[in-house]
Amino acid sequence: MLLNTREWGSGDRVALLVHGIMSDSRTWRRVGPALAERGYRVIAVDLRGHGASGRGAYTPELFAQDLVETLPSGADLAVGHSLGGLTLSFAVDRLRPERAVFSDPAWRFVQPEQGFDPAVFVQFAANATSDSIAAMNPRWAREDIGVELETLAVWDPATATSLSGLAEQAVLPAKPAVPSLVQVADPSFLLDDGAQETLRERGFEVRVVKGAGHTIHRDDFDGFISSLDGWI
């Protein structure tokens, strides 16, 4: 499936951005321009079931195949957040960016024995208000709260079912396909200390953004950019 895309900049270098579940390319409203100022042409996708992209079946493999069909290979940088990080990890060996950044990626859950209930996402989206989003994300800018409401309005809740088996799979990559940085929230409900150490042992660089919530680029934009030192 060819995905809807959003672009910033016209630099000689190329950066790819892949958002998390319930979001779309608008989540990168500050990151896109910041990378463009650093000389990148930035391309952000709407994953299937999100934003202006099409609907269909939803699995990590299909999300990844869409990236391969839509985005150029050999980009200088690729960044994936949460579900976007999982998706990027399934596509990175075919996209072959020079560098990959996985921002609090959805590779596993800290307590997989409890399973994962996609209805949590669906219920939150159905009842979301500016106040409820702000209460859950007290450090977000007002603009991000507005964007979140807009993206939830066009999100297909069926995408949440694609995550239902991830807790049991614990799909930490065996090794990085390209030089790779993992950004970790503090604390992260996806990557506990043991998972972080495993990733380091497997060849990933791991950086914790102190005090940042799961959506690091919205929760602490300056911390997000600072943690990319040497990677952008």
Protein backbone atom coordinates (compact mmCIF):
# COMPACT_ATOMS: atom_id res chain seq x y z
CA MET A 1 0.00 0.00 0.00
CA LEU A 2 1.31 3.44 -0.92
CA LEU A 3 1.05 5.68 2.13
CA ASN A 4 0.16 9.32 2.48
CA THR A 5 3.27 11.38 3.21
CA ARG A 6 4.15 14.82 4.55
CA GLU A 7 7.43 16.60 3.77
CA TRP A 8 9.60 19.38 5.14
CA GLY A 9 12.76 20.87 3.67
CA SER A 10 14.70 20.32 0.46
CA GLY A 11 18.19 19.45 1.69
CA ASP A 12 20.61 17.00 0.16
CA ARG A 13 20.17 14.51 3.02
CA VAL A 14 16.98 12.48 3.49
CA ALA A 15 15.27 11.64 6.80
CA LEU A 16 12.31 9.30 7.21
CA LEU A 17 9.84 9.57 10.11
CA VAL A 18 7.40 6.84 11.21
CA HIS A 19 4.81 7.62 13.90
CA GLY A 20 3.25 5.49 16.63
CA ILE A 21 -0.21 4.01 17.05
CA MET A 22 -3.24 6.35 17.04
CA SER A 23 -1.09 9.14 15.59
CA ASP A 24 0.00 10.17 12.10
CA SER A 25 2.63 12.30 10.36
CA ARG A 26 1.39 15.42 12.15
CA THR A 27 2.99 14.19 15.36
CA TRP A 28 6.34 15.31 13.87
CA ARG A 29 5.25 18.97 13.58
CA ARG A 30 8.40 20.16 15.41
CA VAL A 31 10.79 17.36 14.49
CA GLY A 32 10.26 17.72 10.73
CA PRO A 33 11.16 21.43 10.60
CA ALA A 34 14.07 20.91 13.02
CA LEU A 35 15.61 18.29 10.76
CA ALA A 36 14.90 20.43 7.69
CA GLU A 37 16.89 23.24 9.31
CA ARG A 38 19.77 20.79 9.61
CA GLY A 39 19.82 20.14 5.88
CA TYR A 40 17.42 17.22 5.48
CA ARG A 41 14.52 16.59 3.17
CA VAL A 42 12.15 15.03 5.64
CA ILE A 43 9.49 12.50 4.65
CA ALA A 44 6.92 11.39 7.24
CA VAL A 45 4.29 8.73 6.55
CA ASP A 46 0.77 8.06 7.75
CA LEU A 47 0.78 4.32 8.49
CA ARG A 48 -2.13 2.30 7.12
CA GLY A 49 -5.20 2.88 9.29
CA HIS A 50 -3.88 6.30 10.33
CA GLY A 51 -4.22 9.81 8.93
CA ALA A 52 -4.96 9.99 5.22
CA SER A 53 -3.59 6.54 4.33
CA GLY A 54 -5.75 3.59 3.34
CA ARG A 55 -7.28 0.93 5.54
CA GLY A 56 -6.87 -2.83 5.38
CA ALA A 57 -5.44 -5.74 7.35
CA TYR A 58 -3.03 -4.77 10.12
CA THR A 59 0.13 -6.64 11.07
CA PRO A 60 3.69 -5.45 11.70
CA GLU A 61 4.75 -7.13 8.48
CA LEU A 62 2.13 -5.28 6.42
CA PHE A 63 2.98 -1.97 8.08
CA ALA A 64 6.62 -2.60 7.15
CA GLN A 65 5.87 -3.58 3.57
CA ASP A 66 4.02 -0.28 3.14
CA LEU A 67 7.17 1.59 4.20
CA VAL A 68 9.21 -0.28 1.63
CA GLU A 69 6.68 0.49 -1.11
CA THR A 70 6.39 4.18 -0.18
CA LEU A 71 9.79 5.42 1.01
CA PRO A 72 13.15 5.72 -0.73
CA SER A 73 15.88 3.28 0.20
CA GLY A 74 19.29 4.46 1.31
CA ALA A 75 18.07 7.49 3.30
CA ASP A 76 20.56 9.14 5.62
CA LEU A 77 18.32 8.74 8.67
CA ALA A 78 15.16 6.87 9.67
CA VAL A 79 13.29 7.47 12.92
CA GLY A 80 10.44 5.32 14.22
CA HIS A 81 8.42 5.93 17.39
CA SER A 82 6.60 3.17 19.30
CA LEU A 83 4.64 1.16 16.69
CA GLY A 84 6.66 3.09 14.13
CA GLY A 85 9.83 1.77 15.74
CA LEU A 86 8.54 -1.79 15.53
CA THR A 87 7.51 -1.20 11.92
CA LEU A 88 10.87 0.31 11.02
CA SER A 89 12.68 -2.67 12.52
CA PHE A 90 10.75 -4.98 10.19
CA ALA A 91 11.65 -2.84 7.16
CA VAL A 92 15.14 -1.55 7.95
CA ASP A 93 16.97 -4.37 6.18
CA ARG A 94 15.19 -3.40 2.95
CA LEU A 95 15.15 0.39 3.37
CA ARG A 96 18.84 0.36 4.41
CA PRO A 97 19.10 3.87 5.85
CA GLU A 98 22.57 5.00 6.90
CA ARG A 99 21.36 5.32 10.51
CA ALA A 100 18.21 4.28 12.36
CA VAL A 101 16.69 5.71 15.53
CA PHE A 102 14.11 3.69 17.44
CA SER A 103 12.27 6.02 19.84
CA ASP A 104 10.79 4.01 22.73
CA PRO A 105 9.93 1.26 20.22
CA ALA A 106 7.10 -1.23 20.80
CA TRP A 107 9.33 -4.30 20.83
CA ARG A 108 8.05 -5.75 24.10
CA PHE A 109 6.14 -4.96 27.27
CA VAL A 110 7.68 -4.83 30.72
CA GLN A 111 5.12 -7.30 32.10
CA PRO A 112 4.32 -9.58 29.14
CA GLU A 113 2.75 -12.22 31.40
CA GLN A 114 -0.20 -9.87 31.86
CA GLY A 115 -0.89 -9.84 28.14
CA PHE A 116 -2.06 -6.82 26.19
CA ASP A 117 -5.62 -5.60 25.76
CA PRO A 118 -6.06 -3.47 22.61
CA ALA A 119 -9.40 -2.30 24.00
CA VAL A 120 -7.44 0.09 26.22
CA PHE A 121 -6.42 2.10 23.16
CA VAL A 122 -9.87 1.90 21.60
CA GLN A 123 -11.65 3.06 24.76
CA PHE A 124 -9.26 5.95 25.30
CA ALA A 125 -9.66 7.16 21.72
CA ALA A 126 -13.44 6.92 21.83
CA ASN A 127 -13.66 9.09 24.93
CA ALA A 128 -10.69 11.41 24.39
CA THR A 129 -11.03 15.10 25.18
CA SER A 130 -8.52 17.90 25.44
CA ASP A 131 -8.65 17.52 29.21
CA SER A 132 -8.09 13.76 29.21
CA ILE A 133 -5.17 14.03 26.79
CA ALA A 134 -3.64 16.84 28.85
CA ALA A 135 -4.09 14.82 32.06
CA MET A 136 -2.26 11.87 30.56
CA ASN A 137 0.42 14.06 28.98
CA PRO A 138 0.90 17.08 31.26
CA ARG A 139 4.07 18.25 29.48
CA TRP A 140 2.57 18.40 26.00
CA ALA A 141 2.11 21.73 24.27
CA ARG A 142 -1.45 22.84 23.58
CA GLU A 143 -0.81 22.40 19.84
CA ASP A 144 0.07 18.74 20.37
CA ILE A 145 -3.13 18.13 22.30
CA GLY A 146 -5.11 19.60 19.39
CA VAL A 147 -3.21 17.48 16.88
CA GLU A 148 -3.86 14.36 18.97
CA LEU A 149 -7.62 14.98 18.89
CA GLU A 150 -7.49 15.45 15.13
CA THR A 151 -5.50 12.27 14.56
CA LEU A 152 -7.71 10.19 16.84
CA ALA A 153 -10.72 11.31 14.82
CA VAL A 154 -9.35 9.64 11.66
CA TRP A 155 -7.65 6.62 13.29
CA ASP A 156 -8.96 3.13 12.60
CA PRO A 157 -9.25 1.38 16.00
CA ALA A 158 -8.78 -2.00 14.29
CA THR A 159 -5.06 -1.23 14.06
CA ALA A 160 -4.82 -1.82 17.82
CA THR A 161 -5.48 -5.53 17.33
CA SER A 162 -2.15 -5.80 15.53
CA LEU A 163 -0.47 -5.31 18.91
CA SER A 164 -2.39 -7.99 20.79
CA GLY A 165 0.35 -10.62 20.46
CA LEU A 166 3.39 -8.43 20.98
CA ALA A 167 3.55 -8.95 24.73
CA GLU A 168 3.99 -12.66 24.21
CA GLN A 169 6.41 -12.35 21.29
CA ALA A 170 8.89 -9.99 23.01
CA VAL A 171 10.39 -9.18 19.63
CA LEU A 172 13.69 -7.54 20.58
CA PRO A 173 15.84 -7.47 17.42
CA ALA A 174 18.72 -9.93 17.40
CA LYS A 175 21.11 -7.29 16.03
CA PRO A 176 21.00 -3.90 14.31
CA ALA A 177 20.73 -4.10 10.53
CA VAL A 178 22.33 -0.63 10.30
CA PRO A 179 23.95 1.58 12.97
CA SER A 180 21.08 2.08 15.40
CA LEU A 181 20.18 4.22 18.40
CA VAL A 182 17.40 3.31 20.81
CA GLN A 183 15.85 6.24 22.68
CA VAL A 184 14.18 5.21 25.92
CA ALA A 185 11.56 7.05 27.96
CA ASP A 186 12.08 7.44 31.70
CA PRO A 187 10.55 5.19 32.84
CA SER A 188 9.63 3.12 29.79
CA PHE A 189 6.71 0.69 29.93
CA LEU A 190 8.13 -0.93 26.80
CA LEU A 191 11.84 -1.36 27.59
CA ASP A 192 12.84 -2.13 31.15
CA ASP A 193 16.43 -2.17 32.40
CA GLY A 194 16.92 -5.78 31.35
CA ALA A 195 15.71 -5.13 27.82
CA GLN A 196 17.95 -2.09 27.56
CA GLU A 197 20.99 -4.10 28.63
CA THR A 198 20.12 -6.85 26.15
CA LEU A 199 19.94 -4.30 23.35
CA ARG A 200 23.35 -2.88 24.31
CA GLU A 201 24.82 -6.39 24.27
CA ARG A 202 23.35 -6.91 20.80
CA GLY A 203 25.06 -3.82 19.40
CA PHE A 204 22.49 -1.04 19.78
CA GLU A 205 23.37 2.29 21.36
CA VAL A 206 20.81 3.01 24.08
CA ARG A 207 20.13 6.48 25.49
CA VAL A 208 17.57 7.25 28.18
CA VAL A 209 15.89 10.68 27.98
CA LYS A 210 15.57 11.47 31.66
CA GLY A 211 12.04 12.31 32.80
CA ALA A 212 10.49 11.98 29.33
CA GLY A 213 7.25 10.15 28.71
CA HIS A 214 6.65 7.57 26.00
CA THR A 215 6.17 10.10 23.19
CA ILE A 216 9.58 11.63 23.81
CA HIS A 217 9.48 14.15 20.95
CA ARG A 218 6.28 15.69 22.33
CA ASP A 219 7.01 15.30 26.02
CA ASP A 220 10.51 16.79 25.94
CA PHE A 221 11.37 18.10 22.49
CA ASP A 222 14.70 19.57 23.59
CA GLY A 223 15.65 16.31 25.31
CA PHE A 224 14.63 14.38 22.19
CA ILE A 225 16.87 16.50 19.95
CA SER A 226 19.76 16.49 22.43
CA SER A 227 19.68 12.71 22.67
CA LEU A 228 20.20 12.56 18.88
CA ASP A 229 23.62 14.22 19.18
CA GLY A 230 25.92 12.47 16.72
CA TRP A 231 23.05 10.77 14.92
CA ILE A 232 21.52 13.66 12.95
